[in-house]
Amino acid sequence: MLEVKDYSKQELADAIYANNIKPESRLHKLWREISGCPELVEDLRRLHSHTGDSGYTAQMVERIKYHLCID
């Protein structure tokens, strides 16, 4: 189960894909999944804060979990 909290982009990718993708491919896969869901992209744009370009806030993680159907 993915905890809803602030994550760096790499930390989130590692948490989601830890068991099934090589570490060097995880961030790219997360980016592809997010960019493939226009509703999620829009949600993340609305929630974006300029203070954390290298990461995701807890609110953003909640939307990612919802749109990508992650527990």
N, C-alpha and C. Protein backbone atom coordinates (compact mmCIF):
# COMPACT_ATOMS: atom_id res chain seq x y z
N MET A 1 0.84 -1.18 0.00
CA MET A 1 0.00 0.00 0.00
C MET A 1 0.89 1.24 0.00
N LEU A 2 0.59 2.17 -0.87
CA LEU A 2 1.36 3.40 -1.01
C LEU A 2 0.86 4.42 0.00
N GLU A 3 1.77 4.89 0.85
CA GLU A 3 1.43 5.89 1.84
C GLU A 3 1.27 7.25 1.18
N VAL A 4 0.24 7.98 1.58
CA VAL A 4 0.02 9.32 1.03
C VAL A 4 0.85 10.30 1.86
N LYS A 5 1.91 10.80 1.25
CA LYS A 5 2.81 11.76 1.86
C LYS A 5 3.60 12.43 0.75
N ASP A 6 4.43 13.38 1.07
CA ASP A 6 5.28 14.02 0.08
C ASP A 6 6.39 13.05 -0.34
N TYR A 7 6.70 13.01 -1.64
CA TYR A 7 7.74 12.15 -2.18
C TYR A 7 8.56 12.95 -3.20
N SER A 8 9.83 12.62 -3.31
CA SER A 8 10.58 13.08 -4.48
C SER A 8 10.06 12.24 -5.64
N LYS A 9 10.31 12.67 -6.86
CA LYS A 9 9.84 11.90 -8.01
C LYS A 9 10.44 10.50 -8.01
N GLN A 10 11.73 10.39 -7.72
CA GLN A 10 12.38 9.08 -7.71
C GLN A 10 11.84 8.20 -6.59
N GLU A 11 11.62 8.77 -5.41
CA GLU A 11 11.08 7.99 -4.29
C GLU A 11 9.70 7.42 -4.63
N LEU A 12 8.87 8.22 -5.27
CA LEU A 12 7.54 7.75 -5.63
C LEU A 12 7.63 6.63 -6.66
N ALA A 13 8.45 6.81 -7.67
CA ALA A 13 8.63 5.77 -8.68
C ALA A 13 9.15 4.48 -8.05
N ASP A 14 10.10 4.61 -7.13
CA ASP A 14 10.64 3.43 -6.45
C ASP A 14 9.58 2.74 -5.60
N ALA A 15 8.74 3.53 -4.94
CA ALA A 15 7.69 2.95 -4.09
C ALA A 15 6.63 2.22 -4.92
N ILE A 16 6.29 2.76 -6.07
CA ILE A 16 5.24 2.16 -6.90
C ILE A 16 5.75 0.92 -7.64
N TYR A 17 6.95 0.98 -8.16
CA TYR A 17 7.44 -0.08 -9.05
C TYR A 17 8.59 -0.89 -8.45
N ALA A 18 8.72 -0.91 -7.15
CA ALA A 18 9.87 -1.54 -6.48
C ALA A 18 10.10 -2.99 -6.87
N ASN A 19 9.06 -3.75 -7.10
CA ASN A 19 9.21 -5.19 -7.28
C ASN A 19 9.23 -5.66 -8.72
N ASN A 20 8.93 -4.80 -9.67
CA ASN A 20 8.77 -5.34 -11.02
C ASN A 20 9.48 -4.58 -12.14
N ILE A 21 10.27 -3.57 -11.80
CA ILE A 21 10.97 -2.83 -12.84
C ILE A 21 12.37 -2.49 -12.34
N LYS A 22 13.34 -2.52 -13.25
CA LYS A 22 14.70 -2.15 -12.89
C LYS A 22 14.72 -0.72 -12.35
N PRO A 23 15.55 -0.46 -11.35
CA PRO A 23 15.57 0.88 -10.74
C PRO A 23 15.76 2.01 -11.74
N GLU A 24 16.60 1.82 -12.74
CA GLU A 24 16.86 2.89 -13.69
C GLU A 24 15.68 3.17 -14.63
N SER A 25 14.67 2.30 -14.65
CA SER A 25 13.51 2.46 -15.53
C SER A 25 12.27 2.97 -14.80
N ARG A 26 12.30 3.01 -13.49
CA ARG A 26 11.09 3.32 -12.72
C ARG A 26 10.58 4.73 -12.94
N LEU A 27 11.46 5.71 -12.91
CA LEU A 27 11.03 7.10 -13.06
C LEU A 27 10.44 7.34 -14.45
N HIS A 28 11.05 6.76 -15.47
CA HIS A 28 10.53 6.90 -16.83
C HIS A 28 9.15 6.27 -16.95
N LYS A 29 8.94 5.11 -16.34
CA LYS A 29 7.63 4.45 -16.39
C LYS A 29 6.57 5.31 -15.70
N LEU A 30 6.91 5.86 -14.55
CA LEU A 30 5.96 6.73 -13.85
C LEU A 30 5.58 7.91 -14.72
N TRP A 31 6.58 8.55 -15.34
CA TRP A 31 6.30 9.68 -16.22
C TRP A 31 5.37 9.27 -17.37
N ARG A 32 5.63 8.11 -17.98
CA ARG A 32 4.79 7.65 -19.10
C ARG A 32 3.35 7.41 -18.63
N GLU A 33 3.18 6.81 -17.47
CA GLU A 33 1.83 6.53 -16.98
C GLU A 33 1.09 7.82 -16.66
N ILE A 34 1.77 8.75 -16.03
CA ILE A 34 1.13 10.04 -15.72
C ILE A 34 0.78 10.78 -17.00
N SER A 35 1.71 10.88 -17.93
CA SER A 35 1.45 11.64 -19.16
C SER A 35 0.41 10.96 -20.03
N GLY A 36 0.16 9.68 -19.84
CA GLY A 36 -0.85 8.96 -20.61
C GLY A 36 -2.26 9.12 -20.07
N CYS A 37 -2.41 9.86 -18.98
CA CYS A 37 -3.73 10.06 -18.37
C CYS A 37 -4.02 11.57 -18.31
N PRO A 38 -4.70 12.11 -19.31
CA PRO A 38 -4.94 13.56 -19.37
C PRO A 38 -5.62 14.13 -18.13
N GLU A 39 -6.53 13.38 -17.53
CA GLU A 39 -7.21 13.86 -16.32
C GLU A 39 -6.22 14.02 -15.17
N LEU A 40 -5.30 13.08 -15.06
CA LEU A 40 -4.28 13.16 -14.01
C LEU A 40 -3.34 14.33 -14.27
N VAL A 41 -2.94 14.51 -15.50
CA VAL A 41 -2.06 15.63 -15.85
C VAL A 41 -2.73 16.95 -15.44
N GLU A 42 -4.01 17.07 -15.73
CA GLU A 42 -4.75 18.29 -15.36
C GLU A 42 -4.83 18.46 -13.85
N ASP A 43 -5.13 17.38 -13.13
CA ASP A 43 -5.17 17.45 -11.66
C ASP A 43 -3.82 17.89 -11.11
N LEU A 44 -2.74 17.34 -11.62
CA LEU A 44 -1.41 17.70 -11.13
C LEU A 44 -1.07 19.14 -11.46
N ARG A 45 -1.50 19.61 -12.60
CA ARG A 45 -1.29 21.03 -12.95
C ARG A 45 -2.00 21.95 -11.96
N ARG A 46 -3.24 21.58 -11.62
CA ARG A 46 -4.00 22.38 -10.67
C ARG A 46 -3.36 22.41 -9.29
N LEU A 47 -2.76 21.30 -8.89
CA LEU A 47 -2.17 21.19 -7.56
C LEU A 47 -0.72 21.62 -7.49
N HIS A 48 -0.11 21.87 -8.63
CA HIS A 48 1.32 22.16 -8.69
C HIS A 48 1.68 23.38 -7.86
N SER A 49 2.74 23.24 -7.09
CA SER A 49 3.31 24.40 -6.41
C SER A 49 4.73 24.58 -6.90
N HIS A 50 5.16 25.77 -7.05
CA HIS A 50 6.49 26.04 -7.60
C HIS A 50 7.60 25.73 -6.62
N THR A 51 7.25 25.33 -5.40
CA THR A 51 8.27 25.03 -4.41
C THR A 51 8.81 23.62 -4.53
N GLY A 52 8.13 22.74 -5.26
CA GLY A 52 8.55 21.35 -5.27
C GLY A 52 8.61 20.72 -6.64
N ASP A 53 9.33 21.31 -7.57
CA ASP A 53 9.40 20.74 -8.91
C ASP A 53 10.05 19.36 -8.94
N SER A 54 10.83 19.02 -7.92
CA SER A 54 11.49 17.72 -7.92
C SER A 54 10.68 16.67 -7.20
N GLY A 55 9.46 17.00 -6.80
CA GLY A 55 8.68 16.03 -6.05
C GLY A 55 7.19 16.22 -6.18
N TYR A 56 6.47 15.38 -5.42
CA TYR A 56 5.02 15.40 -5.40
C TYR A 56 4.54 15.63 -3.97
N THR A 57 3.56 16.50 -3.81
CA THR A 57 2.95 16.72 -2.50
C THR A 57 2.01 15.56 -2.19
N ALA A 58 1.58 15.48 -0.94
CA ALA A 58 0.65 14.43 -0.53
C ALA A 58 -0.64 14.50 -1.36
N GLN A 59 -1.11 15.71 -1.65
CA GLN A 59 -2.32 15.86 -2.47
C GLN A 59 -2.10 15.30 -3.88
N MET A 60 -0.93 15.55 -4.44
CA MET A 60 -0.62 15.04 -5.77
C MET A 60 -0.54 13.51 -5.74
N VAL A 61 0.07 12.97 -4.71
CA VAL A 61 0.16 11.50 -4.58
C VAL A 61 -1.23 10.88 -4.48
N GLU A 62 -2.12 11.54 -3.77
CA GLU A 62 -3.50 11.04 -3.66
C GLU A 62 -4.15 10.97 -5.05
N ARG A 63 -3.96 11.98 -5.88
CA ARG A 63 -4.53 11.98 -7.24
C ARG A 63 -3.86 10.93 -8.11
N ILE A 64 -2.55 10.76 -7.98
CA ILE A 64 -1.85 9.73 -8.74
C ILE A 64 -2.39 8.36 -8.37
N LYS A 65 -2.54 8.10 -7.08
CA LYS A 65 -3.10 6.82 -6.63
C LYS A 65 -4.48 6.58 -7.23
N TYR A 66 -5.31 7.61 -7.21
CA TYR A 66 -6.67 7.48 -7.73
C TYR A 66 -6.68 7.17 -9.21
N HIS A 67 -5.99 7.97 -9.99
CA HIS A 67 -6.03 7.82 -11.45
C HIS A 67 -5.30 6.58 -11.95
N LEU A 68 -4.23 6.17 -11.27
CA LEU A 68 -3.49 4.98 -11.71
C LEU A 68 -3.94 3.72 -10.99
N CYS A 69 -4.99 3.85 -10.18
CA CYS A 69 -5.57 2.70 -9.45
C CYS A 69 -4.52 1.96 -8.63
N ILE A 70 -3.83 2.71 -7.79
CA ILE A 70 -2.80 2.15 -6.92
C ILE A 70 -3.35 2.13 -5.50
N ASP A 71 -3.15 1.03 -4.82
CA ASP A 71 -3.56 0.93 -3.41
C ASP A 71 -2.60 1.62 -2.51
